[in-house]
Amino acid sequence: MALMRFDPFRELDRLADQAMVGARTARTMPMEAMRRGDQFIVALDLPGVAPEDVDVTVERNVVEVTARRRPLRQEGDEVIIDERPQGEFRRQLFLGDNLDPNNLSAEFDHGVLVLTIPVSEASKPRRVQVSEGHQEHQVIEAGSASEQDADSAASQDAGSASQQEAVSGSQQATNA
């Protein structure tokens, strides 16, 4: 009684796929990403990969995950079917400016790599204190500093002259 049935056309299809795409290289590293409160959680499926064969590196805003899957076969084994992806494969994640890659953490459990990336403090919502405005608002006109100084001196002179006219005008009204 045979454990497997041999299908020559299936084997031909597998060899064609392997030649065109490379069946021994991982095509994807399935991922799930979500936001949970003030952090982003990214889960990557890495079945059959040992924790020591997983590398996570961060450079600026790029996280790169590298994993190596080694074949189970040993010297002298007769391989009947080998469809499992093997070798080294990578995935890059580009983080937004609102995330803090310096505090990224990684945990590997049961073939799932979980990355936890906190939201940066600058990107978190914060309450802004609103103060009561008792101060007078000043209008500042654009111009060079020397023009502003000259305008300020001229307005002070004009203000002094109008105050003197108002005082002299009121004195004239009382004298008459």
Protein backbone atom coordinates (compact mmCIF):
# COMPACT_ATOMS: atom_id res chain seq x y z
CA MET A 1 0.00 0.00 0.00
CA ALA A 2 1.47 3.35 -1.09
CA LEU A 3 1.32 6.48 1.04
CA MET A 4 1.39 8.80 -1.97
CA ARG A 5 0.14 8.50 -5.47
CA PHE A 6 2.50 9.67 -8.18
CA ASP A 7 1.03 12.10 -10.72
CA PRO A 8 3.55 12.91 -13.48
CA PHE A 9 1.60 15.97 -14.66
CA ARG A 10 1.48 17.44 -11.15
CA GLU A 11 5.22 16.92 -10.87
CA LEU A 12 5.69 18.62 -14.25
CA ASP A 13 3.60 21.61 -13.09
CA ARG A 14 5.65 21.83 -9.89
CA LEU A 15 8.93 21.78 -11.80
CA ALA A 16 7.66 24.48 -14.19
CA ASP A 17 6.60 26.67 -11.24
CA GLN A 18 9.93 26.11 -9.58
CA ALA A 19 11.83 27.08 -12.72
CA MET A 20 9.77 30.23 -13.37
CA VAL A 21 9.10 31.52 -9.87
CA GLY A 22 11.46 29.65 -7.63
CA ALA A 23 9.35 27.41 -5.39
CA ARG A 24 12.11 27.19 -2.81
CA THR A 25 12.02 30.90 -2.04
CA ALA A 26 9.26 32.40 0.05
CA ARG A 27 6.98 34.55 -2.04
CA THR A 28 5.47 36.44 0.87
CA MET A 29 5.67 36.79 4.60
CA PRO A 30 1.95 37.10 5.50
CA MET A 31 1.31 40.11 7.72
CA GLU A 32 -1.46 41.58 9.85
CA ALA A 33 -1.19 45.17 11.14
CA MET A 34 -3.44 47.16 13.47
CA ARG A 35 -3.48 50.15 15.79
CA ARG A 36 -4.21 49.43 19.43
CA GLY A 37 -4.36 52.57 21.54
CA ASP A 38 -0.99 54.34 21.39
CA GLN A 39 0.84 51.57 19.54
CA PHE A 40 0.87 49.70 16.25
CA ILE A 41 0.95 45.91 16.29
CA VAL A 42 2.37 43.99 13.32
CA ALA A 43 2.17 40.18 13.21
CA LEU A 44 4.19 38.23 10.64
CA ASP A 45 3.69 34.50 10.01
CA LEU A 46 6.97 32.58 9.98
CA PRO A 47 5.99 28.91 10.32
CA GLY A 48 8.85 26.47 10.56
CA VAL A 49 11.40 29.18 11.41
CA ALA A 50 13.41 28.96 14.63
CA PRO A 51 13.60 32.11 16.80
CA GLU A 52 17.38 32.29 16.37
CA ASP A 53 16.89 32.43 12.59
CA VAL A 54 14.88 35.69 12.76
CA ASP A 55 16.56 39.10 12.56
CA VAL A 56 14.80 42.44 13.00
CA THR A 57 16.75 45.60 12.16
CA VAL A 58 15.71 49.26 12.27
CA GLU A 59 17.38 51.99 10.26
CA ARG A 60 15.71 55.41 10.46
CA ASN A 61 12.09 54.66 9.58
CA VAL A 62 12.64 51.27 7.89
CA VAL A 63 12.15 47.99 9.74
CA GLU A 64 13.55 44.94 7.99
CA VAL A 65 12.64 41.41 9.01
CA THR A 66 14.91 38.62 7.76
CA ALA A 67 14.13 34.95 8.37
CA ARG A 68 15.88 31.74 7.38
CA ARG A 69 14.09 28.44 6.94
CA ARG A 70 16.28 25.38 6.74
CA PRO A 71 15.19 22.10 5.19
CA LEU A 72 14.39 19.22 7.53
CA ARG A 73 16.10 16.65 5.32
CA GLN A 74 19.41 15.23 6.34
CA GLU A 75 22.30 13.64 4.50
CA GLY A 76 21.17 10.37 2.96
CA ASP A 77 17.42 11.19 2.93
CA GLU A 78 15.55 10.36 -0.26
CA VAL A 79 13.42 13.40 -1.08
CA ILE A 80 10.05 12.48 -2.55
CA ILE A 81 8.35 15.91 -2.50
CA ASP A 82 9.84 19.23 -1.49
CA GLU A 83 7.34 22.10 -1.81
CA ARG A 84 8.18 24.03 1.36
CA PRO A 85 9.86 27.39 0.81
CA GLN A 86 13.42 27.35 2.13
CA GLY A 87 16.28 29.76 2.37
CA GLU A 88 16.39 33.39 3.42
CA PHE A 89 13.56 35.81 2.86
CA ARG A 90 12.92 39.42 3.86
CA ARG A 91 10.21 41.99 4.34
CA GLN A 92 10.61 45.73 4.80
CA LEU A 93 8.16 47.97 6.62
CA PHE A 94 8.29 51.72 6.08
CA LEU A 95 7.18 53.54 9.21
CA GLY A 96 5.47 56.91 9.22
CA ASP A 97 6.89 59.90 11.08
CA ASN A 98 4.26 59.46 13.78
CA LEU A 99 5.83 56.18 14.99
CA ASP A 100 8.80 55.72 17.35
CA PRO A 101 11.15 53.09 15.84
CA ASN A 102 13.64 53.52 18.72
CA ASN A 103 11.20 51.86 21.14
CA LEU A 104 10.13 49.01 18.84
CA SER A 105 9.89 45.61 20.51
CA ALA A 106 9.72 42.13 18.95
CA GLU A 107 8.35 38.86 20.30
CA PHE A 108 8.43 35.47 18.56
CA ASP A 109 5.98 32.76 19.64
CA HIS A 110 4.64 29.66 17.81
CA GLY A 111 5.88 30.80 14.40
CA VAL A 112 4.44 34.33 14.69
CA LEU A 113 6.67 37.39 15.00
CA VAL A 114 4.86 40.27 16.72
CA LEU A 115 6.33 43.77 16.42
CA THR A 116 5.02 46.48 18.74
CA ILE A 117 5.75 50.02 17.58
CA PRO A 118 4.66 52.88 19.86
CA VAL A 119 3.26 56.15 18.57
CA SER A 120 5.81 58.95 19.13
CA GLU A 121 5.09 61.35 21.98
CA ALA A 122 4.96 64.30 19.56
CA SER A 123 2.17 62.58 17.59
CA LYS A 124 -0.04 61.72 20.54
CA PRO A 125 -3.10 63.90 21.09
CA ARG A 126 -2.55 66.36 23.89
CA ARG A 127 -4.63 68.97 25.66
CA VAL A 128 -3.66 72.58 25.04
CA GLN A 129 -4.14 75.01 27.93
CA VAL A 130 -6.33 77.93 26.89
CA SER A 131 -5.55 81.14 28.78
CA GLU A 132 -7.74 84.19 29.19
CA GLY A 133 -6.52 87.15 27.14
CA HIS A 134 -6.23 90.36 29.24
CA GLN A 135 -3.41 91.86 27.25
CA GLU A 136 -3.89 94.47 24.54
CA HIS A 137 -3.06 93.31 21.06
CA GLN A 138 -0.43 95.22 19.14
CA VAL A 139 -0.35 95.48 15.39
CA ILE A 140 3.13 94.99 14.01
CA GLU A 141 3.73 96.03 10.45
CA ALA A 142 6.24 94.25 8.26
CA GLY A 143 9.40 96.09 7.30
CA SER A 144 13.04 96.34 8.17
CA ALA A 145 14.11 97.11 11.73
CA SER A 146 15.41 100.60 10.77
CA GLU A 147 12.09 101.43 9.04
CA GLN A 148 10.17 100.24 12.10
CA ASP A 149 12.38 102.35 14.40
CA ALA A 150 11.88 105.43 12.20
CA ASP A 151 8.11 104.82 12.03
CA SER A 152 7.99 104.33 15.80
CA ALA A 153 9.89 107.60 16.42
CA ALA A 154 7.64 109.48 13.97
CA SER A 155 4.47 108.15 15.58
CA GLN A 156 5.77 109.11 19.03
CA ASP A 157 6.52 112.64 17.78
CA ALA A 158 3.08 112.89 16.17
CA GLY A 159 1.46 111.59 19.35
CA SER A 160 3.29 114.18 21.47
CA ALA A 161 2.29 116.97 19.08
CA SER A 162 -1.37 115.97 19.10
CA GLN A 163 -1.34 115.78 22.90
CA GLN A 164 0.16 119.27 23.06
CA GLU A 165 -2.48 120.56 20.60
CA ALA A 166 -5.25 119.00 22.65
CA VAL A 167 -3.91 120.60 25.84
CA SER A 168 -3.41 124.00 24.19
CA GLY A 169 -6.85 123.73 22.52
CA SER A 170 -8.52 123.08 25.85
CA GLN A 171 -6.65 125.99 27.42
CA GLN A 172 -7.83 128.28 24.63
CA ALA A 173 -11.41 127.18 25.18
CA THR A 174 -11.19 128.02 28.88
CA ASN A 175 -9.50 131.40 28.19
CA ALA A 176 -12.24 132.49 25.86
